[in-house]
Amino acid sequence: MQLGAFSISLAVKDIAASLAFYQKLGFEIFGGDIAQNWLILKNGDAIIGLFQGMFEKNILTFNPGWDANAQQVDGFTDIRELQRRLRAQGVDFQSEADESTAGPASFTLLDPDGNPVLVDQHV
């Protein structure tokens, strides 16, 4: 099961302070808008999202249909198919993609330790 590009979405208290810290580690701004309190940072293939005031916990994020440069890939497994496969394995969902639609959609899960997992398809 291919889940697509992986990143960690961090719930930060001070986006400017977090940006300065991660820039010291070699991360560069790849996307987002600091005025809207969100940024995507990259260091090689490592991707970190900084989100101030948008959610309570850090989130493991997967993007079906994207590579590590947010470019569409051919032959990816659609999010609705991923959802069906996970449901068949007994996975519980916090939110679900509407299986009657096509294109962008998302679903969320919690791992056994309560860590949120977001699968977010943009294509």
PDB file of N, CA and C in Angstrom:
ATOM      1  N   MET A   1       0.862  -1.176   0.000  1.00  0.00           N
ATOM      2  CA  MET A   1       0.000   0.000   0.000  1.00  0.00           C
ATOM      3  C   MET A   1       0.901   1.229   0.000  1.00  0.00           C
ATOM      4  N   GLN A   2       0.839   2.001  -1.062  1.00  0.00           N
ATOM      5  CA  GLN A   2       1.620   3.231  -1.174  1.00  0.00           C
ATOM      6  C   GLN A   2       0.781   4.410  -0.687  1.00  0.00           C
ATOM      7  N   LEU A   3       1.284   5.121   0.310  1.00  0.00           N
ATOM      8  CA  LEU A   3       0.546   6.233   0.899  1.00  0.00           C
ATOM      9  C   LEU A   3       0.951   7.589   0.343  1.00  0.00           C
ATOM     10  N   GLY A   4       2.000   7.642  -0.471  1.00  0.00           N
ATOM     11  CA  GLY A   4       2.445   8.906  -1.045  1.00  0.00           C
ATOM     12  C   GLY A   4       3.500   9.583  -0.205  1.00  0.00           C
ATOM     13  N   ALA A   5       3.734  10.846  -0.507  1.00  0.00           N
ATOM     14  CA  ALA A   5       4.770  11.636   0.176  1.00  0.00           C
ATOM     15  C   ALA A   5       4.470  11.701   1.669  1.00  0.00           C
ATOM     16  N   PHE A   6       5.530  11.646   2.488  1.00  0.00           N
ATOM     17  CA  PHE A   6       5.381  11.697   3.941  1.00  0.00           C
ATOM     18  C   PHE A   6       5.937  12.996   4.482  1.00  0.00           C
ATOM     19  N   SER A   7       5.246  13.552   5.471  1.00  0.00           N
ATOM     20  CA  SER A   7       5.751  14.696   6.228  1.00  0.00           C
ATOM     21  C   SER A   7       5.199  14.620   7.642  1.00  0.00           C
ATOM     22  N   ILE A   8       5.796  15.377   8.504  1.00  0.00           N
ATOM     23  CA  ILE A   8       5.266  15.532   9.863  1.00  0.00           C
ATOM     24  C   ILE A   8       4.724  16.955   9.950  1.00  0.00           C
ATOM     25  N   SER A   9       3.500  17.082  10.401  1.00  0.00           N
ATOM     26  CA  SER A   9       2.868  18.390  10.588  1.00  0.00           C
ATOM     27  C   SER A   9       2.946  18.726  12.068  1.00  0.00           C
ATOM     28  N   LEU A  10       3.710  19.765  12.383  1.00  0.00           N
ATOM     29  CA  LEU A  10       3.945  20.130  13.784  1.00  0.00           C
ATOM     30  C   LEU A  10       3.002  21.238  14.229  1.00  0.00           C
ATOM     31  N   ALA A  11       2.351  21.028  15.351  1.00  0.00           N
ATOM     32  CA  ALA A  11       1.526  22.054  15.985  1.00  0.00           C
ATOM     33  C   ALA A  11       2.477  22.916  16.820  1.00  0.00           C
ATOM     34  N   VAL A  12       2.808  24.095  16.313  1.00  0.00           N
ATOM     35  CA  VAL A  12       3.815  24.940  16.967  1.00  0.00           C
ATOM     36  C   VAL A  12       3.165  26.092  17.714  1.00  0.00           C
ATOM     37  N   LYS A  13       3.856  26.569  18.746  1.00  0.00           N
ATOM     38  CA  LYS A  13       3.360  27.698  19.542  1.00  0.00           C
ATOM     39  C   LYS A  13       3.728  29.035  18.921  1.00  0.00           C
ATOM     40  N   ASP A  14       4.920  29.114  18.309  1.00  0.00           N
ATOM     41  CA  ASP A  14       5.426  30.352  17.721  1.00  0.00           C
ATOM     42  C   ASP A  14       6.078  29.994  16.394  1.00  0.00           C
ATOM     43  N   ILE A  15       5.357  30.251  15.297  1.00  0.00           N
ATOM     44  CA  ILE A  15       5.843  29.808  13.993  1.00  0.00           C
ATOM     45  C   ILE A  15       7.166  30.467  13.617  1.00  0.00           C
ATOM     46  N   ALA A  16       7.363  31.723  13.980  1.00  0.00           N
ATOM     47  CA  ALA A  16       8.629  32.401  13.652  1.00  0.00           C
ATOM     48  C   ALA A  16       9.794  31.752  14.392  1.00  0.00           C
ATOM     49  N   ALA A  17       9.599  31.429  15.671  1.00  0.00           N
ATOM     50  CA  ALA A  17      10.661  30.782  16.452  1.00  0.00           C
ATOM     51  C   ALA A  17      10.940  29.379  15.898  1.00  0.00           C
ATOM     52  N   SER A  18       9.892  28.657  15.519  1.00  0.00           N
ATOM     53  CA  SER A  18      10.075  27.317  14.955  1.00  0.00           C
ATOM     54  C   SER A  18      10.787  27.392  13.611  1.00  0.00           C
ATOM     55  N   LEU A  19      10.415  28.354  12.784  1.00  0.00           N
ATOM     56  CA  LEU A  19      11.079  28.536  11.497  1.00  0.00           C
ATOM     57  C   LEU A  19      12.566  28.804  11.705  1.00  0.00           C
ATOM     58  N   ALA A  20      12.891  29.710  12.598  1.00  0.00           N
ATOM     59  CA  ALA A  20      14.301  30.036  12.855  1.00  0.00           C
ATOM     60  C   ALA A  20      15.065  28.805  13.319  1.00  0.00           C
ATOM     61  N   PHE A  21      14.465  28.007  14.189  1.00  0.00           N
ATOM     62  CA  PHE A  21      15.115  26.798  14.690  1.00  0.00           C
ATOM     63  C   PHE A  21      15.385  25.814  13.555  1.00  0.00           C
ATOM     64  N   TYR A  22      14.362  25.504  12.761  1.00  0.00           N
ATOM     65  CA  TYR A  22      14.523  24.505  11.710  1.00  0.00           C
ATOM     66  C   TYR A  22      15.425  25.002  10.579  1.00  0.00           C
ATOM     67  N   GLN A  23      15.475  26.306  10.359  1.00  0.00           N
ATOM     68  CA  GLN A  23      16.424  26.840   9.378  1.00  0.00           C
ATOM     69  C   GLN A  23      17.863  26.596   9.833  1.00  0.00           C
ATOM     70  N   LYS A  24      18.111  26.648  11.135  1.00  0.00           N
ATOM     71  CA  LYS A  24      19.445  26.333  11.654  1.00  0.00           C
ATOM     72  C   LYS A  24      19.827  24.885  11.369  1.00  0.00           C
ATOM     73  N   LEU A  25      18.820  24.008  11.244  1.00  0.00           N
ATOM     74  CA  LEU A  25      19.067  22.606  10.931  1.00  0.00           C
ATOM     75  C   LEU A  25      19.146  22.358   9.426  1.00  0.00           C
ATOM     76  N   GLY A  26      19.049  23.416   8.629  1.00  0.00           N
ATOM     77  CA  GLY A  26      19.190  23.292   7.184  1.00  0.00           C
ATOM     78  C   GLY A  26      17.896  23.224   6.404  1.00  0.00           C
ATOM     79  N   PHE A  27      16.758  23.394   7.069  1.00  0.00           N
ATOM     80  CA  PHE A  27      15.475  23.385   6.361  1.00  0.00           C
ATOM     81  C   PHE A  27      15.256  24.727   5.672  1.00  0.00           C
ATOM     82  N   GLU A  28      14.612  24.669   4.502  1.00  0.00           N
ATOM     83  CA  GLU A  28      14.265  25.868   3.746  1.00  0.00           C
ATOM     84  C   GLU A  28      12.765  25.887   3.503  1.00  0.00           C
ATOM     85  N   ILE A  29      12.208  27.082   3.368  1.00  0.00           N
ATOM     86  CA  ILE A  29      10.771  27.208   3.084  1.00  0.00           C
ATOM     87  C   ILE A  29      10.490  26.647   1.702  1.00  0.00           C
ATOM     88  N   PHE A  30       9.510  25.755   1.637  1.00  0.00           N
ATOM     89  CA  PHE A  30       9.118  25.100   0.398  1.00  0.00           C
ATOM     90  C   PHE A  30       7.724  25.555  -0.029  1.00  0.00           C
ATOM     91  N   GLY A  31       6.906  25.947   0.921  1.00  0.00           N
ATOM     92  CA  GLY A  31       5.541  26.367   0.607  1.00  0.00           C
ATOM     93  C   GLY A  31       4.883  26.945   1.836  1.00  0.00           C
ATOM     94  N   GLY A  32       3.662  27.390   1.660  1.00  0.00           N
ATOM     95  CA  GLY A  32       2.891  27.924   2.777  1.00  0.00           C
ATOM     96  C   GLY A  32       2.877  29.433   2.819  1.00  0.00           C
ATOM     97  N   ASP A  33       2.380  29.962   3.928  1.00  0.00           N
ATOM     98  CA  ASP A  33       2.246  31.404   4.105  1.00  0.00           C
ATOM     99  C   ASP A  33       2.354  31.707   5.598  1.00  0.00           C
ATOM    100  N   ILE A  34       3.461  32.297   6.008  1.00  0.00           N
ATOM    101  CA  ILE A  34       3.661  32.582   7.434  1.00  0.00           C
ATOM    102  C   ILE A  34       2.588  33.539   7.961  1.00  0.00           C
ATOM    103  N   ALA A  35       2.055  34.413   7.106  1.00  0.00           N
ATOM    104  CA  ALA A  35       0.989  35.331   7.528  1.00  0.00           C
ATOM    105  C   ALA A  35      -0.291  34.570   7.878  1.00  0.00           C
ATOM    106  N   GLN A  36      -0.451  33.374   7.316  1.00  0.00           N
ATOM    107  CA  GLN A  36      -1.599  32.520   7.627  1.00  0.00           C
ATOM    108  C   GLN A  36      -1.234  31.456   8.660  1.00  0.00           C
ATOM    109  N   ASN A  37      -0.050  31.560   9.239  1.00  0.00           N
ATOM    110  CA  ASN A  37       0.434  30.669  10.307  1.00  0.00           C
ATOM    111  C   ASN A  37       0.682  29.235   9.863  1.00  0.00           C
ATOM    112  N   TRP A  38       1.128  29.040   8.608  1.00  0.00           N
ATOM    113  CA  TRP A  38       1.528  27.702   8.183  1.00  0.00           C
ATOM    114  C   TRP A  38       2.642  27.793   7.141  1.00  0.00           C
ATOM    115  N   LEU A  39       3.605  26.881   7.270  1.00  0.00           N
ATOM    116  CA  LEU A  39       4.730  26.787   6.341  1.00  0.00           C
ATOM    117  C   LEU A  39       5.070  25.322   6.118  1.00  0.00           C
ATOM    118  N   ILE A  40       5.586  25.021   4.941  1.00  0.00           N
ATOM    119  CA  ILE A  40       6.135  23.706   4.645  1.00  0.00           C
ATOM    120  C   ILE A  40       7.638  23.903   4.443  1.00  0.00           C
ATOM    121  N   LEU A  41       8.434  23.122   5.167  1.00  0.00           N
ATOM    122  CA  LEU A  41       9.890  23.218   5.100  1.00  0.00           C
ATOM    123  C   LEU A  41      10.464  21.926   4.552  1.00  0.00           C
ATOM    124  N   LYS A  42      11.594  22.048   3.840  1.00  0.00           N
ATOM    125  CA  LYS A  42      12.259  20.876   3.274  1.00  0.00           C
ATOM    126  C   LYS A  42      13.748  20.938   3.557  1.00  0.00           C
ATOM    127  N   ASN A  43      14.299  19.754   3.775  1.00  0.00           N
ATOM    128  CA  ASN A  43      15.741  19.553   3.870  1.00  0.00           C
ATOM    129  C   ASN A  43      15.992  18.224   3.185  1.00  0.00           C
ATOM    130  N   GLY A  44      16.445  18.249   1.935  1.00  0.00           N
ATOM    131  CA  GLY A  44      16.551  17.020   1.157  1.00  0.00           C
ATOM    132  C   GLY A  44      15.160  16.445   0.962  1.00  0.00           C
ATOM    133  N   ASP A  45      14.975  15.185   1.327  1.00  0.00           N
ATOM    134  CA  ASP A  45      13.652  14.557   1.223  1.00  0.00           C
ATOM    135  C   ASP A  45      12.834  14.692   2.502  1.00  0.00           C
ATOM    136  N   ALA A  46      13.403  15.303   3.539  1.00  0.00           N
ATOM    137  CA  ALA A  46      12.685  15.495   4.807  1.00  0.00           C
ATOM    138  C   ALA A  46      11.749  16.697   4.680  1.00  0.00           C
ATOM    139  N   ILE A  47      10.497  16.495   5.063  1.00  0.00           N
ATOM    140  CA  ILE A  47       9.483  17.550   4.952  1.00  0.00           C
ATOM    141  C   ILE A  47       8.825  17.749   6.311  1.00  0.00           C
ATOM    142  N   ILE A  48       8.758  19.004   6.743  1.00  0.00           N
ATOM    143  CA  ILE A  48       8.105  19.368   7.996  1.00  0.00           C
ATOM    144  C   ILE A  48       7.109  20.483   7.701  1.00  0.00           C
ATOM    145  N   GLY A  49       5.895  20.332   8.204  1.00  0.00           N
ATOM    146  CA  GLY A  49       4.923  21.411   8.156  1.00  0.00           C
ATOM    147  C   GLY A  49       4.858  22.072   9.522  1.00  0.00           C
ATOM    148  N   LEU A  50       4.870  23.395   9.543  1.00  0.00           N
ATOM    149  CA  LEU A  50       4.709  24.159  10.785  1.00  0.00           C
ATOM    150  C   LEU A  50       3.325  24.797  10.751  1.00  0.00           C
ATOM    151  N   PHE A  51       2.516  24.534  11.772  1.00  0.00           N
ATOM    152  CA  PHE A  51       1.146  25.029  11.812  1.00  0.00           C
ATOM    153  C   PHE A  51       0.885  25.623  13.191  1.00  0.00           C
ATOM    154  N   GLN A  52       0.676  26.921  13.248  1.00  0.00           N
ATOM    155  CA  GLN A  52       0.405  27.597  14.514  1.00  0.00           C
ATOM    156  C   GLN A  52      -1.089  27.824  14.668  1.00  0.00           C
ATOM    157  N   GLY A  53      -1.654  27.279  15.760  1.00  0.00           N
ATOM    158  CA  GLY A  53      -3.056  27.512  16.080  1.00  0.00           C
ATOM    159  C   GLY A  53      -4.052  26.759  15.218  1.00  0.00           C
ATOM    160  N   MET A  54      -3.617  25.735  14.494  1.00  0.00           N
ATOM    161  CA  MET A  54      -4.530  25.024  13.598  1.00  0.00           C
ATOM    162  C   MET A  54      -4.982  23.676  14.133  1.00  0.00           C
ATOM    163  N   PHE A  55      -4.180  23.046  14.958  1.00  0.00           N
ATOM    164  CA  PHE A  55      -4.567  21.788  15.578  1.00  0.00           C
ATOM    165  C   PHE A  55      -3.765  21.584  16.848  1.00  0.00           C
ATOM    166  N   GLU A  56      -4.213  20.646  17.685  1.00  0.00           N
ATOM    167  CA  GLU A  56      -3.638  20.471  19.010  1.00  0.00           C
ATOM    168  C   GLU A  56      -2.389  19.608  19.041  1.00  0.00           C
ATOM    169  N   LYS A  57      -2.334  18.577  18.200  1.00  0.00           N
ATOM    170  CA  LYS A  57      -1.243  17.609  18.250  1.00  0.00           C
ATOM    171  C   LYS A  57      -0.468  17.594  16.937  1.00  0.00           C
ATOM    172  N   ASN A  58       0.753  17.088  17.005  1.00  0.00           N
ATOM    173  CA  ASN A  58       1.510  16.822  15.791  1.00  0.00           C
ATOM    174  C   ASN A  58       0.799  15.721  15.013  1.00  0.00           C
ATOM    175  N   ILE A  59       0.915  15.765  13.685  1.00  0.00           N
ATOM    176  CA  ILE A  59       0.206  14.818  12.833  1.00  0.00           C
ATOM    177  C   ILE A  59       1.168  14.218  11.820  1.00  0.00           C
ATOM    178  N   LEU A  60       1.130  12.889  11.693  1.00  0.00           N
ATOM    179  CA  LEU A  60       1.844  12.217  10.616  1.00  0.00           C
ATOM    180  C   LEU A  60       0.990  12.399   9.361  1.00  0.00           C
ATOM    181  N   THR A  61       1.590  12.885   8.285  1.00  0.00           N
ATOM    182  CA  THR A  61       0.821  13.222   7.088  1.00  0.00           C
ATOM    183  C   THR A  61       1.358  12.471   5.872  1.00  0.00           C
ATOM    184  N   PHE A  62       0.433  11.912   5.095  1.00  0.00           N
ATOM    185  CA  PHE A  62       0.762  11.235   3.841  1.00  0.00           C
ATOM    186  C   PHE A  62      -0.066  11.869   2.732  1.00  0.00           C
ATOM    187  N   ASN A  63       0.539  12.031   1.555  1.00  0.00           N
ATOM    188  CA  ASN A  63      -0.146  12.640   0.415  1.00  0.00           C
ATOM    189  C   ASN A  63      -0.135  11.715  -0.799  1.00  0.00           C
ATOM    190  N   PRO A  64      -1.187  10.882  -0.950  1.00  0.00           N
ATOM    191  CA  PRO A  64      -1.266  10.031  -2.140  1.00  0.00           C
ATOM    192  C   PRO A  64      -1.241  10.876  -3.413  1.00  0.00           C
ATOM    193  N   GLY A  65      -0.514  10.402  -4.408  1.00  0.00           N
ATOM    194  CA  GLY A  65      -0.470  11.102  -5.685  1.00  0.00           C
ATOM    195  C   GLY A  65       0.618  12.141  -5.798  1.00  0.00           C
ATOM    196  N   TRP A  66       1.349  12.391  -4.716  1.00  0.00           N
ATOM    197  CA  TRP A  66       2.436  13.372  -4.733  1.00  0.00           C
ATOM    198  C   TRP A  66       3.758  12.710  -4.422  1.00  0.00           C
ATOM    199  N   ASP A  67       4.830  13.258  -5.011  1.00  0.00           N
ATOM    200  CA  ASP A  67       6.172  12.888  -4.597  1.00  0.00           C
ATOM    201  C   ASP A  67       6.646  13.892  -3.550  1.00  0.00           C
ATOM    202  N   ALA A  68       7.888  13.795  -3.118  1.00  0.00           N
ATOM    203  CA  ALA A  68       8.415  14.655  -2.055  1.00  0.00           C
ATOM    204  C   ALA A  68       8.527  16.119  -2.470  1.00  0.00           C
ATOM    205  N   ASN A  69       8.329  16.418  -3.769  1.00  0.00           N
ATOM    206  CA  ASN A  69       8.367  17.798  -4.249  1.00  0.00           C
ATOM    207  C   ASN A  69       6.977  18.325  -4.589  1.00  0.00           C
ATOM    208  N   ALA A  70       5.938  17.643  -4.070  1.00  0.00           N
ATOM    209  CA  ALA A  70       4.541  18.020  -4.306  1.00  0.00           C
ATOM    210  C   ALA A  70       4.204  17.989  -5.790  1.00  0.00           C
ATOM    211  N   GLN A  71       4.859  17.088  -6.529  1.00  0.00           N
ATOM    212  CA  GLN A  71       4.563  16.884  -7.941  1.00  0.00           C
ATOM    213  C   GLN A  71       3.717  15.622  -8.090  1.00  0.00           C
ATOM    214  N   GLN A  72       2.736  15.696  -8.968  1.00  0.00           N
ATOM    215  CA  GLN A  72       1.846  14.549  -9.164  1.00  0.00           C
ATOM    216  C   GLN A  72       2.625  13.372  -9.748  1.00  0.00           C
ATOM    217  N   VAL A  73       2.318  12.182  -9.234  1.00  0.00           N
ATOM    218  CA  VAL A  73       2.929  10.959  -9.738  1.00  0.00           C
ATOM    219  C   VAL A  73       1.872  10.149 -10.479  1.00  0.00           C
ATOM    220  N   ASP A  74       2.329   9.355 -11.436  1.00  0.00           N
ATOM    221  CA  ASP A  74       1.425   8.481 -12.175  1.00  0.00           C
ATOM    222  C   ASP A  74       1.216   7.192 -11.400  1.00  0.00           C
ATOM    223  N   GLY A  75       0.057   6.607 -11.583  1.00  0.00           N
ATOM    224  CA  GLY A  75      -0.183   5.277 -11.054  1.00  0.00           C
ATOM    225  C   GLY A  75      -0.285   5.173  -9.546  1.00  0.00           C
ATOM    226  N   PHE A  76      -0.776   6.190  -8.868  1.00  0.00           N
ATOM    227  CA  PHE A  76      -0.922   6.126  -7.415  1.00  0.00           C
ATOM    228  C   PHE A  76      -2.257   5.503  -7.026  1.00  0.00           C
ATOM    229  N   THR A  77      -2.331   5.024  -5.797  1.00  0.00           N
ATOM    230  CA  THR A  77      -3.571   4.446  -5.275  1.00  0.00           C
ATOM    231  C   THR A  77      -4.438   5.572  -4.719  1.00  0.00           C
ATOM    232  N   ASP A  78      -5.634   5.713  -5.254  1.00  0.00           N
ATOM    233  CA  ASP A  78      -6.557   6.759  -4.830  1.00  0.00           C
ATOM    234  C   ASP A  78      -6.910   6.599  -3.356  1.00  0.00           C
ATOM    235  N   ILE A  79      -7.142   7.701  -2.707  1.00  0.00           N
ATOM    236  CA  ILE A  79      -7.427   7.719  -1.271  1.00  0.00           C
ATOM    237  C   ILE A  79      -8.656   6.877  -0.909  1.00  0.00           C
ATOM    238  N   ARG A  80      -9.647   6.845  -1.785  1.00  0.00           N
ATOM    239  CA  ARG A  80     -10.847   6.062  -1.488  1.00  0.00           C
ATOM    240  C   ARG A  80     -10.532   4.567  -1.488  1.00  0.00           C
ATOM    241  N   GLU A  81      -9.625   4.139  -2.363  1.00  0.00           N
ATOM    242  CA  GLU A  81      -9.196   2.748  -2.375  1.00  0.00           C
ATOM    243  C   GLU A  81      -8.380   2.427  -1.119  1.00  0.00           C
ATOM    244  N   LEU A  82      -7.510   3.349  -0.717  1.00  0.00           N
ATOM    245  CA  LEU A  82      -6.756   3.154   0.530  1.00  0.00           C
ATOM    246  C   LEU A  82      -7.713   2.998   1.703  1.00  0.00           C
ATOM    247  N   GLN A  83      -8.724   3.857   1.738  1.00  0.00           N
ATOM    248  CA  GLN A  83      -9.715   3.812   2.814  1.00  0.00           C
ATOM    249  C   GLN A  83     -10.445   2.471   2.835  1.00  0.00           C
ATOM    250  N   ARG A  84     -10.866   1.981   1.668  1.00  0.00           N
ATOM    251  CA  ARG A  84     -11.549   0.682   1.595  1.00  0.00           C
ATOM    252  C   ARG A  84     -10.646  -0.442   2.112  1.00  0.00           C
ATOM    253  N   ARG A  85      -9.377  -0.419   1.705  1.00  0.00           N
ATOM    254  CA  ARG A  85      -8.436  -1.462   2.142  1.00  0.00           C
ATOM    255  C   ARG A  85      -8.228  -1.426   3.655  1.00  0.00           C
ATOM    256  N   LEU A  86      -8.103  -0.229   4.203  1.00  0.00           N
ATOM    257  CA  LEU A  86      -7.904  -0.104   5.649  1.00  0.00           C
ATOM    258  C   LEU A  86      -9.160  -0.527   6.414  1.00  0.00           C
ATOM    259  N   ARG A  87     -10.329  -0.117   5.922  1.00  0.00           N
ATOM    260  CA  ARG A  87     -11.586  -0.511   6.570  1.00  0.00           C
ATOM    261  C   ARG A  87     -11.707  -2.038   6.588  1.00  0.00           C
ATOM    262  N   ALA A  88     -11.329  -2.695   5.483  1.00  0.00           N
ATOM    263  CA  ALA A  88     -11.396  -4.159   5.399  1.00  0.00           C
ATOM    264  C   ALA A  88     -10.470  -4.826   6.408  1.00  0.00           C
ATOM    265  N   GLN A  89      -9.446  -4.091   6.854  1.00  0.00           N
ATOM    266  CA  GLN A  89      -8.521  -4.613   7.865  1.00  0.00           C
ATOM    267  C   GLN A  89      -8.943  -4.234   9.283  1.00  0.00           C
ATOM    268  N   GLY A  90     -10.105  -3.602   9.405  1.00  0.00           N
ATOM    269  CA  GLY A  90     -10.622  -3.265  10.724  1.00  0.00           C
ATOM    270  C   GLY A  90     -10.132  -1.962  11.311  1.00  0.00           C
ATOM    271  N   VAL A  91      -9.542  -1.105  10.480  1.00  0.00           N
ATOM    272  CA  VAL A  91      -9.052   0.189  10.961  1.00  0.00           C
ATOM    273  C   VAL A  91     -10.231   1.124  11.199  1.00  0.00           C
ATOM    274  N   ASP A  92     -10.212   1.831  12.325  1.00  0.00           N
ATOM    275  CA  ASP A  92     -11.235   2.829  12.652  1.00  0.00           C
ATOM    276  C   ASP A  92     -10.794   4.198  12.161  1.00  0.00           C
ATOM    277  N   PHE A  93     -11.732   4.986  11.677  1.00  0.00           N
ATOM    278  CA  PHE A  93     -11.447   6.305  11.130  1.00  0.00           C
ATOM    279  C   PHE A  93     -11.977   7.394  12.059  1.00  0.00           C
ATOM    280  N   GLN A  94     -11.242   8.492  12.160  1.00  0.00           N
ATOM    281  CA  GLN A  94     -11.707   9.685  12.858  1.00  0.00           C
ATOM    282  C   GLN A  94     -12.532  10.550  11.906  1.00  0.00           C
ATOM    283  N   SER A  95     -12.111  10.594  10.645  1.00  0.00           N
ATOM    284  CA  SER A  95     -12.874  11.233   9.573  1.00  0.00           C
ATOM    285  C   SER A  95     -12.632  10.408   8.321  1.00  0.00           C
ATOM    286  N   GLU A  96     -13.558  10.498   7.370  1.00  0.00           N
ATOM    287  CA  GLU A  96     -13.472   9.658   6.174  1.00  0.00           C
ATOM    288  C   GLU A  96     -13.622  10.477   4.909  1.00  0.00           C
ATOM    289  N   ALA A  97     -13.019   9.953   3.830  1.00  0.00           N
ATOM    290  CA  ALA A  97     -13.213  10.520   2.500  1.00  0.00           C
ATOM    291  C   ALA A  97     -14.572  10.051   1.981  1.00  0.00           C
ATOM    292  N   ASP A  98     -15.247  10.901   1.258  1.00  0.00           N
ATOM    293  CA  ASP A  98     -16.523  10.543   0.633  1.00  0.00           C
ATOM    294  C   ASP A  98     -16.210   9.658  -0.569  1.00  0.00           C
ATOM    295  N   GLU A  99     -16.603   8.403  -0.500  1.00  0.00           N
ATOM    296  CA  GLU A  99     -16.263   7.448  -1.543  1.00  0.00           C
ATOM    297  C   GLU A  99     -17.076   7.628  -2.818  1.00  0.00           C
ATOM    298  N   SER A 100     -18.064   8.524  -2.814  1.00  0.00           N
ATOM    299  CA  SER A 100     -18.836   8.779  -4.028  1.00  0.00           C
ATOM    300  C   SER A 100     -18.203   9.885  -4.873  1.00  0.00           C
ATOM    301  N   THR A 101     -17.078  10.449  -4.403  1.00  0.00           N
ATOM    302  CA  THR A 101     -16.427  11.547  -5.113  1.00  0.00           C
ATOM    303  C   THR A 101     -15.141  11.064  -5.777  1.00  0.00           C
ATOM    304  N   ALA A 102     -14.507  11.957  -6.510  1.00  0.00           N
ATOM    305  CA  ALA A 102     -13.199  11.717  -7.114  1.00  0.00           C
ATOM    306  C   ALA A 102     -12.326  12.937  -6.820  1.00  0.00           C
ATOM    307  N   GLY A 103     -11.012  12.765  -6.959  1.00  0.00           N
ATOM    308  CA  GLY A 103     -10.104  13.894  -6.768  1.00  0.00           C
ATOM    309  C   GLY A 103      -9.726  14.096  -5.319  1.00  0.00           C
ATOM    310  N   PRO A 104      -9.444  15.360  -4.942  1.00  0.00           N
ATOM    311  CA  PRO A 104      -8.970  15.650  -3.595  1.00  0.00           C
ATOM    312  C   PRO A 104      -9.923  15.171  -2.503  1.00  0.00           C
ATOM    313  N   ALA A 105      -9.337  14.602  -1.453  1.00  0.00           N
ATOM    314  CA  ALA A 105     -10.106  14.127  -0.292  1.00  0.00           C
ATOM    315  C   ALA A 105      -9.112  13.760   0.795  1.00  0.00           C
ATOM    316  N   SER A 106      -9.623  13.505   1.991  1.00  0.00           N
ATOM    317  CA  SER A 106      -8.737  13.113   3.088  1.00  0.00           C
ATOM    318  C   SER A 106      -9.484  12.216   4.067  1.00  0.00           C
ATOM    319  N   PHE A 107      -8.691  11.508   4.873  1.00  0.00           N
ATOM    320  CA  PHE A 107      -9.228  10.798   6.030  1.00  0.00           C
ATOM    321  C   PHE A 107      -8.199  10.853   7.137  1.00  0.00           C
ATOM    322  N   THR A 108      -8.673  10.678   8.364  1.00  0.00           N
ATOM    323  CA  THR A 108      -7.773  10.676   9.517  1.00  0.00           C
ATOM    324  C   THR A 108      -8.007   9.427  10.354  1.00  0.00           C
ATOM    325  N   LEU A 109      -6.907   8.986  10.955  1.00  0.00           N
ATOM    326  CA  LEU A 109      -6.882   7.821  11.831  1.00  0.00           C
ATOM    327  C   LEU A 109      -6.128   8.203  13.086  1.00  0.00           C
ATOM    328  N   LEU A 110      -6.226   7.375  14.107  1.00  0.00           N
ATOM    329  CA  LEU A 110      -5.368   7.497  15.279  1.00  0.00           C
ATOM    330  C   LEU A 110      -4.578   6.206  15.389  1.00  0.00           C
ATOM    331  N   ASP A 111      -3.261   6.327  15.618  1.00  0.00           N
ATOM    332  CA  ASP A 111      -2.477   5.113  15.830  1.00  0.00           C
ATOM    333  C   ASP A 111      -2.749   4.610  17.252  1.00  0.00           C
ATOM    334  N   PRO A 112      -2.215   3.461  17.637  1.00  0.00           N
ATOM    335  CA  PRO A 112      -2.525   2.897  18.956  1.00  0.00           C
ATOM    336  C   PRO A 112      -2.158   3.798  20.137  1.00  0.00           C
ATOM    337  N   ASP A 113      -1.257   4.769  19.916  1.00  0.00           N
ATOM    338  CA  ASP A 113      -0.868   5.684  20.982  1.00  0.00           C
ATOM    339  C   ASP A 113      -1.597   7.016  20.923  1.00  0.00           C
ATOM    340  N   GLY A 114      -2.592   7.110  20.034  1.00  0.00           N
ATOM    341  CA  GLY A 114      -3.379   8.336  19.931  1.00  0.00           C
ATOM    342  C   GLY A 114      -2.776   9.392  19.026  1.00  0.00           C
ATOM    343  N   ASN A 115      -1.724   9.050  18.272  1.00  0.00           N
ATOM    344  CA  ASN A 115      -1.126  10.006  17.337  1.00  0.00           C
ATOM    345  C   ASN A 115      -1.990  10.103  16.084  1.00  0.00           C
ATOM    346  N   PRO A 116      -2.373  11.314  15.702  1.00  0.00           N
ATOM    347  CA  PRO A 116      -3.179  11.471  14.495  1.00  0.00           C
ATOM    348  C   PRO A 116      -2.368  11.147  13.239  1.00  0.00           C
ATOM    349  N   VAL A 117      -3.028  10.480  12.303  1.00  0.00           N
ATOM    350  CA  VAL A 117      -2.459  10.184  10.991  1.00  0.00           C
ATOM    351  C   VAL A 117      -3.434  10.742   9.964  1.00  0.00           C
ATOM    352  N   LEU A 118      -2.945  11.681   9.158  1.00  0.00           N
ATOM    353  CA  LEU A 118      -3.756  12.306   8.118  1.00  0.00           C
ATOM    354  C   LEU A 118      -3.300  11.782   6.768  1.00  0.00           C
ATOM    355  N   VAL A 119      -4.236  11.282   5.986  1.00  0.00           N
ATOM    356  CA  VAL A 119      -3.965  10.917   4.601  1.00  0.00           C
ATOM    357  C   VAL A 119      -4.755  11.921   3.764  1.00  0.00           C
ATOM    358  N   ASP A 120      -4.018  12.765   3.038  1.00  0.00           N
ATOM    359  CA  ASP A 120      -4.587  13.961   2.416  1.00  0.00           C
ATOM    360  C   ASP A 120      -4.191  14.004   0.939  1.00  0.00           C
ATOM    361  N   GLN A 121      -5.128  13.649   0.075  1.00  0.00           N
ATOM    362  CA  GLN A 121      -4.871  13.628  -1.372  1.00  0.00           C
ATOM    363  C   GLN A 121      -5.272  14.950  -1.972  1.00  0.00           C
ATOM    364  N   HIS A 122      -4.341  15.582  -2.695  1.00  0.00           N
ATOM    365  CA  HIS A 122      -4.582  16.889  -3.302  1.00  0.00           C
ATOM    366  C   HIS A 122      -4.885  16.817  -4.789  1.00  0.00           C
ATOM    367  N   VAL A 123      -4.769  15.635  -5.394  1.00  0.00           N
ATOM    368  CA  VAL A 123      -4.985  15.503  -6.849  1.00  0.00           C
ATOM    369  C   VAL A 123      -6.190  14.628  -7.132  1.00  0.00           C
TER     370      VAL A 123
END
